[in-house]
Amino acid sequence: MSVRLLTVILLLPLATAAQAADFDAEKFLAEKCSQCHDSSVYTRPDHKVQSLTALDNQVRRCDSMIGTKLFDEDINLLVDHLNTRYYHF
């Protein structure tokens, strides 16, 4: 294995962690999610999201619909933020 390839393999997790550390879920909600809906979608009694898995799936659908192409780590942070703030699964 070349030194260059080994360096990339070793540094990739650090780059991904740095990306995730820079992600601000609240800012993302305000700037992107609010383009389609307000926070009442998370708090209404008849919301369709009934589990953590469903929340993850919905965030991924929204990401796909608006074309933001979030990293998995950022989606996880967003799901965690939504769950902590609104859903409490």
PDB file of N, CA and C in Angstrom:
ATOM      1  N   MET A   1       0.852  -1.167   0.000  1.00  0.00           N
ATOM      2  CA  MET A   1       0.000   0.000   0.000  1.00  0.00           C
ATOM      3  C   MET A   1       0.900   1.233   0.000  1.00  0.00           C
ATOM      4  N   SER A   2       0.569   2.196  -0.844  1.00  0.00           N
ATOM      5  CA  SER A   2       1.399   3.397  -0.930  1.00  0.00           C
ATOM      6  C   SER A   2       1.183   4.291   0.292  1.00  0.00           C
ATOM      7  N   VAL A   3       2.158   5.109   0.559  1.00  0.00           N
ATOM      8  CA  VAL A   3       2.092   6.043   1.683  1.00  0.00           C
ATOM      9  C   VAL A   3       0.945   7.030   1.476  1.00  0.00           C
ATOM     10  N   ARG A   4       0.761   7.463   0.257  1.00  0.00           N
ATOM     11  CA  ARG A   4      -0.312   8.426  -0.046  1.00  0.00           C
ATOM     12  C   ARG A   4      -1.679   7.815   0.235  1.00  0.00           C
ATOM     13  N   LEU A   5      -1.915   6.592  -0.205  1.00  0.00           N
ATOM     14  CA  LEU A   5      -3.188   5.929   0.026  1.00  0.00           C
ATOM     15  C   LEU A   5      -3.417   5.704   1.516  1.00  0.00           C
ATOM     16  N   LEU A   6      -2.380   5.283   2.208  1.00  0.00           N
ATOM     17  CA  LEU A   6      -2.474   5.061   3.646  1.00  0.00           C
ATOM     18  C   LEU A   6      -2.808   6.364   4.375  1.00  0.00           C
ATOM     19  N   THR A   7      -2.206   7.460   3.948  1.00  0.00           N
ATOM     20  CA  THR A   7      -2.482   8.768   4.552  1.00  0.00           C
ATOM     21  C   THR A   7      -3.946   9.156   4.353  1.00  0.00           C
ATOM     22  N   VAL A   8      -4.459   8.957   3.146  1.00  0.00           N
ATOM     23  CA  VAL A   8      -5.866   9.266   2.861  1.00  0.00           C
ATOM     24  C   VAL A   8      -6.782   8.409   3.726  1.00  0.00           C
ATOM     25  N   ILE A   9      -6.486   7.141   3.831  1.00  0.00           N
ATOM     26  CA  ILE A   9      -7.306   6.233   4.632  1.00  0.00           C
ATOM     27  C   ILE A   9      -7.307   6.660   6.098  1.00  0.00           C
ATOM     28  N   LEU A  10      -6.161   7.067   6.593  1.00  0.00           N
ATOM     29  CA  LEU A  10      -6.050   7.461   7.997  1.00  0.00           C
ATOM     30  C   LEU A  10      -6.678   8.823   8.274  1.00  0.00           C
ATOM     31  N   LEU A  11      -6.648   9.724   7.326  1.00  0.00           N
ATOM     32  CA  LEU A  11      -7.156  11.076   7.544  1.00  0.00           C
ATOM     33  C   LEU A  11      -8.634  11.235   7.208  1.00  0.00           C
ATOM     34  N   LEU A  12      -9.207  10.335   6.455  1.00  0.00           N
ATOM     35  CA  LEU A  12     -10.609  10.454   6.063  1.00  0.00           C
ATOM     36  C   LEU A  12     -11.559  10.547   7.252  1.00  0.00           C
ATOM     37  N   PRO A  13     -11.413   9.719   8.273  1.00  0.00           N
ATOM     38  CA  PRO A  13     -12.316   9.876   9.430  1.00  0.00           C
ATOM     39  C   PRO A  13     -12.188  11.240  10.102  1.00  0.00           C
ATOM     40  N   LEU A  14     -11.000  11.804  10.103  1.00  0.00           N
ATOM     41  CA  LEU A  14     -10.815  13.128  10.693  1.00  0.00           C
ATOM     42  C   LEU A  14     -11.525  14.199   9.881  1.00  0.00           C
ATOM     43  N   ALA A  15     -11.467  14.094   8.579  1.00  0.00           N
ATOM     44  CA  ALA A  15     -12.155  15.053   7.717  1.00  0.00           C
ATOM     45  C   ALA A  15     -13.659  14.947   7.895  1.00  0.00           C
ATOM     46  N   THR A  16     -14.161  13.730   8.002  1.00  0.00           N
ATOM     47  CA  THR A  16     -15.590  13.521   8.209  1.00  0.00           C
ATOM     48  C   THR A  16     -16.013  14.053   9.564  1.00  0.00           C
ATOM     49  N   ALA A  17     -15.215  13.828  10.590  1.00  0.00           N
ATOM     50  CA  ALA A  17     -15.523  14.338  11.929  1.00  0.00           C
ATOM     51  C   ALA A  17     -15.517  15.860  11.940  1.00  0.00           C
ATOM     52  N   ALA A  18     -14.597  16.453  11.220  1.00  0.00           N
ATOM     53  CA  ALA A  18     -14.546  17.910  11.150  1.00  0.00           C
ATOM     54  C   ALA A  18     -15.790  18.449  10.462  1.00  0.00           C
ATOM     55  N   GLN A  19     -16.239  17.791   9.404  1.00  0.00           N
ATOM     56  CA  GLN A  19     -17.453  18.198   8.709  1.00  0.00           C
ATOM     57  C   GLN A  19     -18.638  18.131   9.656  1.00  0.00           C
ATOM     58  N   ALA A  20     -18.767  17.038  10.378  1.00  0.00           N
ATOM     59  CA  ALA A  20     -19.883  16.870  11.306  1.00  0.00           C
ATOM     60  C   ALA A  20     -19.805  17.890  12.432  1.00  0.00           C
ATOM     61  N   ALA A  21     -18.609  18.193  12.901  1.00  0.00           N
ATOM     62  CA  ALA A  21     -18.446  19.154  13.988  1.00  0.00           C
ATOM     63  C   ALA A  21     -18.870  20.552  13.549  1.00  0.00           C
ATOM     64  N   ASP A  22     -18.738  20.865  12.274  1.00  0.00           N
ATOM     65  CA  ASP A  22     -19.109  22.173  11.752  1.00  0.00           C
ATOM     66  C   ASP A  22     -20.605  22.294  11.475  1.00  0.00           C
ATOM     67  N   PHE A  23     -21.319  21.194  11.473  1.00  0.00           N
ATOM     68  CA  PHE A  23     -22.732  21.212  11.127  1.00  0.00           C
ATOM     69  C   PHE A  23     -23.551  21.766  12.284  1.00  0.00           C
ATOM     70  N   ASP A  24     -24.377  22.757  12.009  1.00  0.00           N
ATOM     71  CA  ASP A  24     -25.247  23.378  13.003  1.00  0.00           C
ATOM     72  C   ASP A  24     -26.691  23.017  12.652  1.00  0.00           C
ATOM     73  N   ALA A  25     -27.251  22.059  13.377  1.00  0.00           N
ATOM     74  CA  ALA A  25     -28.586  21.552  13.067  1.00  0.00           C
ATOM     75  C   ALA A  25     -29.643  22.646  13.174  1.00  0.00           C
ATOM     76  N   GLU A  26     -29.560  23.478  14.187  1.00  0.00           N
ATOM     77  CA  GLU A  26     -30.556  24.548  14.365  1.00  0.00           C
ATOM     78  C   GLU A  26     -30.506  25.544  13.210  1.00  0.00           C
ATOM     79  N   LYS A  27     -29.300  25.889  12.794  1.00  0.00           N
ATOM     80  CA  LYS A  27     -29.134  26.807  11.664  1.00  0.00           C
ATOM     81  C   LYS A  27     -29.674  26.168  10.382  1.00  0.00           C
ATOM     82  N   PHE A  28     -29.399  24.871  10.203  1.00  0.00           N
ATOM     83  CA  PHE A  28     -29.892  24.165   9.025  1.00  0.00           C
ATOM     84  C   PHE A  28     -31.423  24.174   9.005  1.00  0.00           C
ATOM     85  N   LEU A  29     -32.040  23.907  10.152  1.00  0.00           N
ATOM     86  CA  LEU A  29     -33.501  23.938  10.236  1.00  0.00           C
ATOM     87  C   LEU A  29     -34.040  25.307   9.837  1.00  0.00           C
ATOM     88  N   ALA A  30     -33.417  26.352  10.349  1.00  0.00           N
ATOM     89  CA  ALA A  30     -33.874  27.710  10.069  1.00  0.00           C
ATOM     90  C   ALA A  30     -33.683  28.094   8.600  1.00  0.00           C
ATOM     91  N   GLU A  31     -32.582  27.672   8.021  1.00  0.00           N
ATOM     92  CA  GLU A  31     -32.261  28.090   6.658  1.00  0.00           C
ATOM     93  C   GLU A  31     -32.842  27.188   5.572  1.00  0.00           C
ATOM     94  N   LYS A  32     -32.933  25.905   5.834  1.00  0.00           N
ATOM     95  CA  LYS A  32     -33.348  24.968   4.786  1.00  0.00           C
ATOM     96  C   LYS A  32     -34.741  24.380   5.033  1.00  0.00           C
ATOM     97  N   CYS A  33     -34.936  23.811   6.201  1.00  0.00           N
ATOM     98  CA  CYS A  33     -36.200  23.112   6.474  1.00  0.00           C
ATOM     99  C   CYS A  33     -37.382  24.074   6.475  1.00  0.00           C
ATOM    100  N   SER A  34     -37.145  25.291   6.971  1.00  0.00           N
ATOM    101  CA  SER A  34     -38.229  26.266   7.053  1.00  0.00           C
ATOM    102  C   SER A  34     -38.657  26.785   5.685  1.00  0.00           C
ATOM    103  N   GLN A  35     -37.927  26.448   4.640  1.00  0.00           N
ATOM    104  CA  GLN A  35     -38.345  26.835   3.294  1.00  0.00           C
ATOM    105  C   GLN A  35     -39.617  26.094   2.887  1.00  0.00           C
ATOM    106  N   CYS A  36     -39.809  24.901   3.450  1.00  0.00           N
ATOM    107  CA  CYS A  36     -40.984  24.093   3.096  1.00  0.00           C
ATOM    108  C   CYS A  36     -42.039  24.078   4.201  1.00  0.00           C
ATOM    109  N   HIS A  37     -41.624  24.184   5.447  1.00  0.00           N
ATOM    110  CA  HIS A  37     -42.587  24.129   6.552  1.00  0.00           C
ATOM    111  C   HIS A  37     -42.023  24.802   7.796  1.00  0.00           C
ATOM    112  N   ASP A  38     -42.930  25.159   8.708  1.00  0.00           N
ATOM    113  CA  ASP A  38     -42.480  25.738   9.970  1.00  0.00           C
ATOM    114  C   ASP A  38     -42.412  24.659  11.044  1.00  0.00           C
ATOM    115  N   SER A  39     -42.048  25.039  12.259  1.00  0.00           N
ATOM    116  CA  SER A  39     -41.825  24.046  13.309  1.00  0.00           C
ATOM    117  C   SER A  39     -43.093  23.327  13.755  1.00  0.00           C
ATOM    118  N   SER A  40     -44.262  23.811  13.355  1.00  0.00           N
ATOM    119  CA  SER A  40     -45.499  23.116  13.754  1.00  0.00           C
ATOM    120  C   SER A  40     -45.568  21.707  13.165  1.00  0.00           C
ATOM    121  N   VAL A  41     -44.833  21.451  12.096  1.00  0.00           N
ATOM    122  CA  VAL A  41     -44.828  20.110  11.510  1.00  0.00           C
ATOM    123  C   VAL A  41     -44.249  19.087  12.493  1.00  0.00           C
ATOM    124  N   TYR A  42     -43.400  19.547  13.403  1.00  0.00           N
ATOM    125  CA  TYR A  42     -42.786  18.651  14.389  1.00  0.00           C
ATOM    126  C   TYR A  42     -43.657  18.463  15.629  1.00  0.00           C
ATOM    127  N   THR A  43     -44.533  19.423  15.896  1.00  0.00           N
ATOM    128  CA  THR A  43     -45.272  19.413  17.155  1.00  0.00           C
ATOM    129  C   THR A  43     -46.755  19.105  17.016  1.00  0.00           C
ATOM    130  N   ARG A  44     -47.259  19.041  15.811  1.00  0.00           N
ATOM    131  CA  ARG A  44     -48.697  18.788  15.669  1.00  0.00           C
ATOM    132  C   ARG A  44     -49.028  17.385  16.168  1.00  0.00           C
ATOM    133  N   PRO A  45     -50.202  17.219  16.763  1.00  0.00           N
ATOM    134  CA  PRO A  45     -50.566  15.933  17.367  1.00  0.00           C
ATOM    135  C   PRO A  45     -50.643  14.777  16.356  1.00  0.00           C
ATOM    136  N   ASP A  46     -50.970  15.079  15.118  1.00  0.00           N
ATOM    137  CA  ASP A  46     -51.146  14.020  14.116  1.00  0.00           C
ATOM    138  C   ASP A  46     -49.911  13.823  13.231  1.00  0.00           C
ATOM    139  N   HIS A  47     -48.710  14.165  13.749  1.00  0.00           N
ATOM    140  CA  HIS A  47     -47.524  14.027  12.896  1.00  0.00           C
ATOM    141  C   HIS A  47     -47.323  12.564  12.502  1.00  0.00           C
ATOM    142  N   LYS A  48     -46.809  12.394  11.294  1.00  0.00           N
ATOM    143  CA  LYS A  48     -46.653  11.056  10.715  1.00  0.00           C
ATOM    144  C   LYS A  48     -45.440  10.308  11.261  1.00  0.00           C
ATOM    145  N   VAL A  49     -44.474  11.017  11.764  1.00  0.00           N
ATOM    146  CA  VAL A  49     -43.250  10.400  12.274  1.00  0.00           C
ATOM    147  C   VAL A  49     -43.537   9.809  13.650  1.00  0.00           C
ATOM    148  N   GLN A  50     -43.441   8.486  13.741  1.00  0.00           N
ATOM    149  CA  GLN A  50     -43.802   7.798  14.981  1.00  0.00           C
ATOM    150  C   GLN A  50     -42.659   7.013  15.614  1.00  0.00           C
ATOM    151  N   SER A  51     -41.455   7.121  15.052  1.00  0.00           N
ATOM    152  CA  SER A  51     -40.307   6.402  15.606  1.00  0.00           C
ATOM    153  C   SER A  51     -39.021   7.090  15.159  1.00  0.00           C
ATOM    154  N   LEU A  52     -37.941   6.746  15.816  1.00  0.00           N
ATOM    155  CA  LEU A  52     -36.640   7.299  15.455  1.00  0.00           C
ATOM    156  C   LEU A  52     -36.250   6.888  14.037  1.00  0.00           C
ATOM    157  N   THR A  53     -36.570   5.668  13.665  1.00  0.00           N
ATOM    158  CA  THR A  53     -36.281   5.199  12.300  1.00  0.00           C
ATOM    159  C   THR A  53     -37.079   6.004  11.278  1.00  0.00           C
ATOM    160  N   ALA A  54     -38.345   6.254  11.586  1.00  0.00           N
ATOM    161  CA  ALA A  54     -39.188   7.044  10.682  1.00  0.00           C
ATOM    162  C   ALA A  54     -38.659   8.475  10.576  1.00  0.00           C
ATOM    163  N   LEU A  55     -38.163   9.024  11.675  1.00  0.00           N
ATOM    164  CA  LEU A  55     -37.593  10.366  11.659  1.00  0.00           C
ATOM    165  C   LEU A  55     -36.352  10.408  10.769  1.00  0.00           C
ATOM    166  N   ASP A  56     -35.482   9.422  10.920  1.00  0.00           N
ATOM    167  CA  ASP A  56     -34.293   9.338  10.076  1.00  0.00           C
ATOM    168  C   ASP A  56     -34.689   9.230   8.605  1.00  0.00           C
ATOM    169  N   ASN A  57     -35.661   8.401   8.313  1.00  0.00           N
ATOM    170  CA  ASN A  57     -36.115   8.241   6.926  1.00  0.00           C
ATOM    171  C   ASN A  57     -36.687   9.547   6.376  1.00  0.00           C
ATOM    172  N   GLN A  58     -37.456  10.260   7.198  1.00  0.00           N
ATOM    173  CA  GLN A  58     -38.056  11.521   6.743  1.00  0.00           C
ATOM    174  C   GLN A  58     -36.990  12.582   6.496  1.00  0.00           C
ATOM    175  N   VAL A  59     -36.015  12.674   7.369  1.00  0.00           N
ATOM    176  CA  VAL A  59     -34.928  13.640   7.173  1.00  0.00           C
ATOM    177  C   VAL A  59     -34.179  13.309   5.883  1.00  0.00           C
ATOM    178  N   ARG A  60     -33.957  12.043   5.625  1.00  0.00           N
ATOM    179  CA  ARG A  60     -33.277  11.654   4.386  1.00  0.00           C
ATOM    180  C   ARG A  60     -34.133  11.984   3.153  1.00  0.00           C
ATOM    181  N   ARG A  61     -35.444  11.796   3.249  1.00  0.00           N
ATOM    182  CA  ARG A  61     -36.323  12.172   2.135  1.00  0.00           C
ATOM    183  C   ARG A  61     -36.268  13.677   1.885  1.00  0.00           C
ATOM    184  N   CYS A  62     -36.336  14.452   2.959  1.00  0.00           N
ATOM    185  CA  CYS A  62     -36.271  15.908   2.813  1.00  0.00           C
ATOM    186  C   CYS A  62     -34.930  16.335   2.219  1.00  0.00           C
ATOM    187  N   ASP A  63     -33.855  15.733   2.690  1.00  0.00           N
ATOM    188  CA  ASP A  63     -32.522  16.031   2.161  1.00  0.00           C
ATOM    189  C   ASP A  63     -32.483  15.776   0.660  1.00  0.00           C
ATOM    190  N   SER A  64     -33.064  14.675   0.253  1.00  0.00           N
ATOM    191  CA  SER A  64     -33.107  14.334  -1.169  1.00  0.00           C
ATOM    192  C   SER A  64     -33.970  15.321  -1.953  1.00  0.00           C
ATOM    193  N   MET A  65     -35.108  15.702  -1.387  1.00  0.00           N
ATOM    194  CA  MET A  65     -36.038  16.599  -2.077  1.00  0.00           C
ATOM    195  C   MET A  65     -35.435  17.987  -2.301  1.00  0.00           C
ATOM    196  N   ILE A  66     -34.691  18.492  -1.307  1.00  0.00           N
ATOM    197  CA  ILE A  66     -34.143  19.844  -1.467  1.00  0.00           C
ATOM    198  C   ILE A  66     -32.720  19.829  -2.022  1.00  0.00           C
ATOM    199  N   GLY A  67     -32.163  18.633  -2.174  1.00  0.00           N
ATOM    200  CA  GLY A  67     -30.871  18.492  -2.844  1.00  0.00           C
ATOM    201  C   GLY A  67     -29.672  18.979  -2.052  1.00  0.00           C
ATOM    202  N   THR A  68     -29.742  18.920  -0.727  1.00  0.00           N
ATOM    203  CA  THR A  68     -28.614  19.389   0.069  1.00  0.00           C
ATOM    204  C   THR A  68     -27.494  18.360   0.172  1.00  0.00           C
ATOM    205  N   LYS A  69     -27.790  17.113  -0.051  1.00  0.00           N
ATOM    206  CA  LYS A  69     -26.784  16.046  -0.051  1.00  0.00           C
ATOM    207  C   LYS A  69     -25.943  16.042   1.226  1.00  0.00           C
ATOM    208  N   LEU A  70     -26.622  16.018   2.365  1.00  0.00           N
ATOM    209  CA  LEU A  70     -25.925  15.999   3.649  1.00  0.00           C
ATOM    210  C   LEU A  70     -25.128  14.718   3.820  1.00  0.00           C
ATOM    211  N   PHE A  71     -24.039  14.807   4.562  1.00  0.00           N
ATOM    212  CA  PHE A  71     -23.292  13.622   4.955  1.00  0.00           C
ATOM    213  C   PHE A  71     -24.117  12.849   5.972  1.00  0.00           C
ATOM    214  N   ASP A  72     -23.900  11.539   6.058  1.00  0.00           N
ATOM    215  CA  ASP A  72     -24.614  10.719   7.043  1.00  0.00           C
ATOM    216  C   ASP A  72     -24.440  11.266   8.456  1.00  0.00           C
ATOM    217  N   GLU A  73     -23.255  11.741   8.775  1.00  0.00           N
ATOM    218  CA  GLU A  73     -22.996  12.286  10.104  1.00  0.00           C
ATOM    219  C   GLU A  73     -23.856  13.518  10.377  1.00  0.00           C
ATOM    220  N   ASP A  74     -24.052  14.348   9.355  1.00  0.00           N
ATOM    221  CA  ASP A  74     -24.880  15.544   9.510  1.00  0.00           C
ATOM    222  C   ASP A  74     -26.351  15.163   9.643  1.00  0.00           C
ATOM    223  N   ILE A  75     -26.777  14.175   8.888  1.00  0.00           N
ATOM    224  CA  ILE A  75     -28.152  13.692   9.027  1.00  0.00           C
ATOM    225  C   ILE A  75     -28.368  13.157  10.429  1.00  0.00           C
ATOM    226  N   ASN A  76     -27.396  12.416  10.943  1.00  0.00           N
ATOM    227  CA  ASN A  76     -27.510  11.890  12.304  1.00  0.00           C
ATOM    228  C   ASN A  76     -27.613  13.022  13.321  1.00  0.00           C
ATOM    229  N   LEU A  77     -26.827  14.073  13.145  1.00  0.00           N
ATOM    230  CA  LEU A  77     -26.899  15.226  14.043  1.00  0.00           C
ATOM    231  C   LEU A  77     -28.254  15.922  13.947  1.00  0.00           C
ATOM    232  N   LEU A  78     -28.773  16.040  12.744  1.00  0.00           N
ATOM    233  CA  LEU A  78     -30.075  16.672  12.542  1.00  0.00           C
ATOM    234  C   LEU A  78     -31.186  15.834  13.165  1.00  0.00           C
ATOM    235  N   VAL A  79     -31.140  14.529  12.948  1.00  0.00           N
ATOM    236  CA  VAL A  79     -32.128  13.625  13.544  1.00  0.00           C
ATOM    237  C   VAL A  79     -32.055  13.707  15.060  1.00  0.00           C
ATOM    238  N   ASP A  80     -30.847  13.703  15.606  1.00  0.00           N
ATOM    239  CA  ASP A  80     -30.676  13.800  17.058  1.00  0.00           C
ATOM    240  C   ASP A  80     -31.237  15.117  17.584  1.00  0.00           C
ATOM    241  N   HIS A  81     -30.961  16.191  16.877  1.00  0.00           N
ATOM    242  CA  HIS A  81     -31.469  17.505  17.292  1.00  0.00           C
ATOM    243  C   HIS A  81     -33.001  17.530  17.275  1.00  0.00           C
ATOM    244  N   LEU A  82     -33.591  17.059  16.184  1.00  0.00           N
ATOM    245  CA  LEU A  82     -35.054  17.035  16.090  1.00  0.00           C
ATOM    246  C   LEU A  82     -35.665  16.150  17.169  1.00  0.00           C
ATOM    247  N   ASN A  83     -35.038  15.016  17.412  1.00  0.00           N
ATOM    248  CA  ASN A  83     -35.540  14.106  18.425  1.00  0.00           C
ATOM    249  C   ASN A  83     -35.444  14.715  19.827  1.00  0.00           C
ATOM    250  N   THR A  84     -34.323  15.333  20.116  1.00  0.00           N
ATOM    251  CA  THR A  84     -34.123  15.945  21.428  1.00  0.00           C
ATOM    252  C   THR A  84     -35.077  17.130  21.641  1.00  0.00           C
ATOM    253  N   ARG A  85     -35.249  17.917  20.620  1.00  0.00           N
ATOM    254  CA  ARG A  85     -36.058  19.132  20.743  1.00  0.00           C
ATOM    255  C   ARG A  85     -37.558  18.892  20.629  1.00  0.00           C
ATOM    256  N   TYR A  86     -37.965  17.970  19.751  1.00  0.00           N
ATOM    257  CA  TYR A  86     -39.391  17.823  19.462  1.00  0.00           C
ATOM    258  C   TYR A  86     -39.976  16.440  19.751  1.00  0.00           C
ATOM    259  N   TYR A  87     -39.347  15.395  19.282  1.00  0.00           N
ATOM    260  CA  TYR A  87     -40.001  14.089  19.239  1.00  0.00           C
ATOM    261  C   TYR A  87     -39.846  13.247  20.507  1.00  0.00           C
ATOM    262  N   HIS A  88     -38.671  13.185  21.078  1.00  0.00           N
ATOM    263  CA  HIS A  88     -38.400  12.450  22.319  1.00  0.00           C
ATOM    264  C   HIS A  88     -38.673  10.945  22.210  1.00  0.00           C
ATOM    265  N   PHE A  89     -38.156  10.332  21.167  1.00  0.00           N
ATOM    266  CA  PHE A  89     -38.310   8.868  21.018  1.00  0.00           C
ATOM    267  C   PHE A  89     -37.344   8.146  21.926  1.00  0.00           C
TER     268      PHE A  89
END
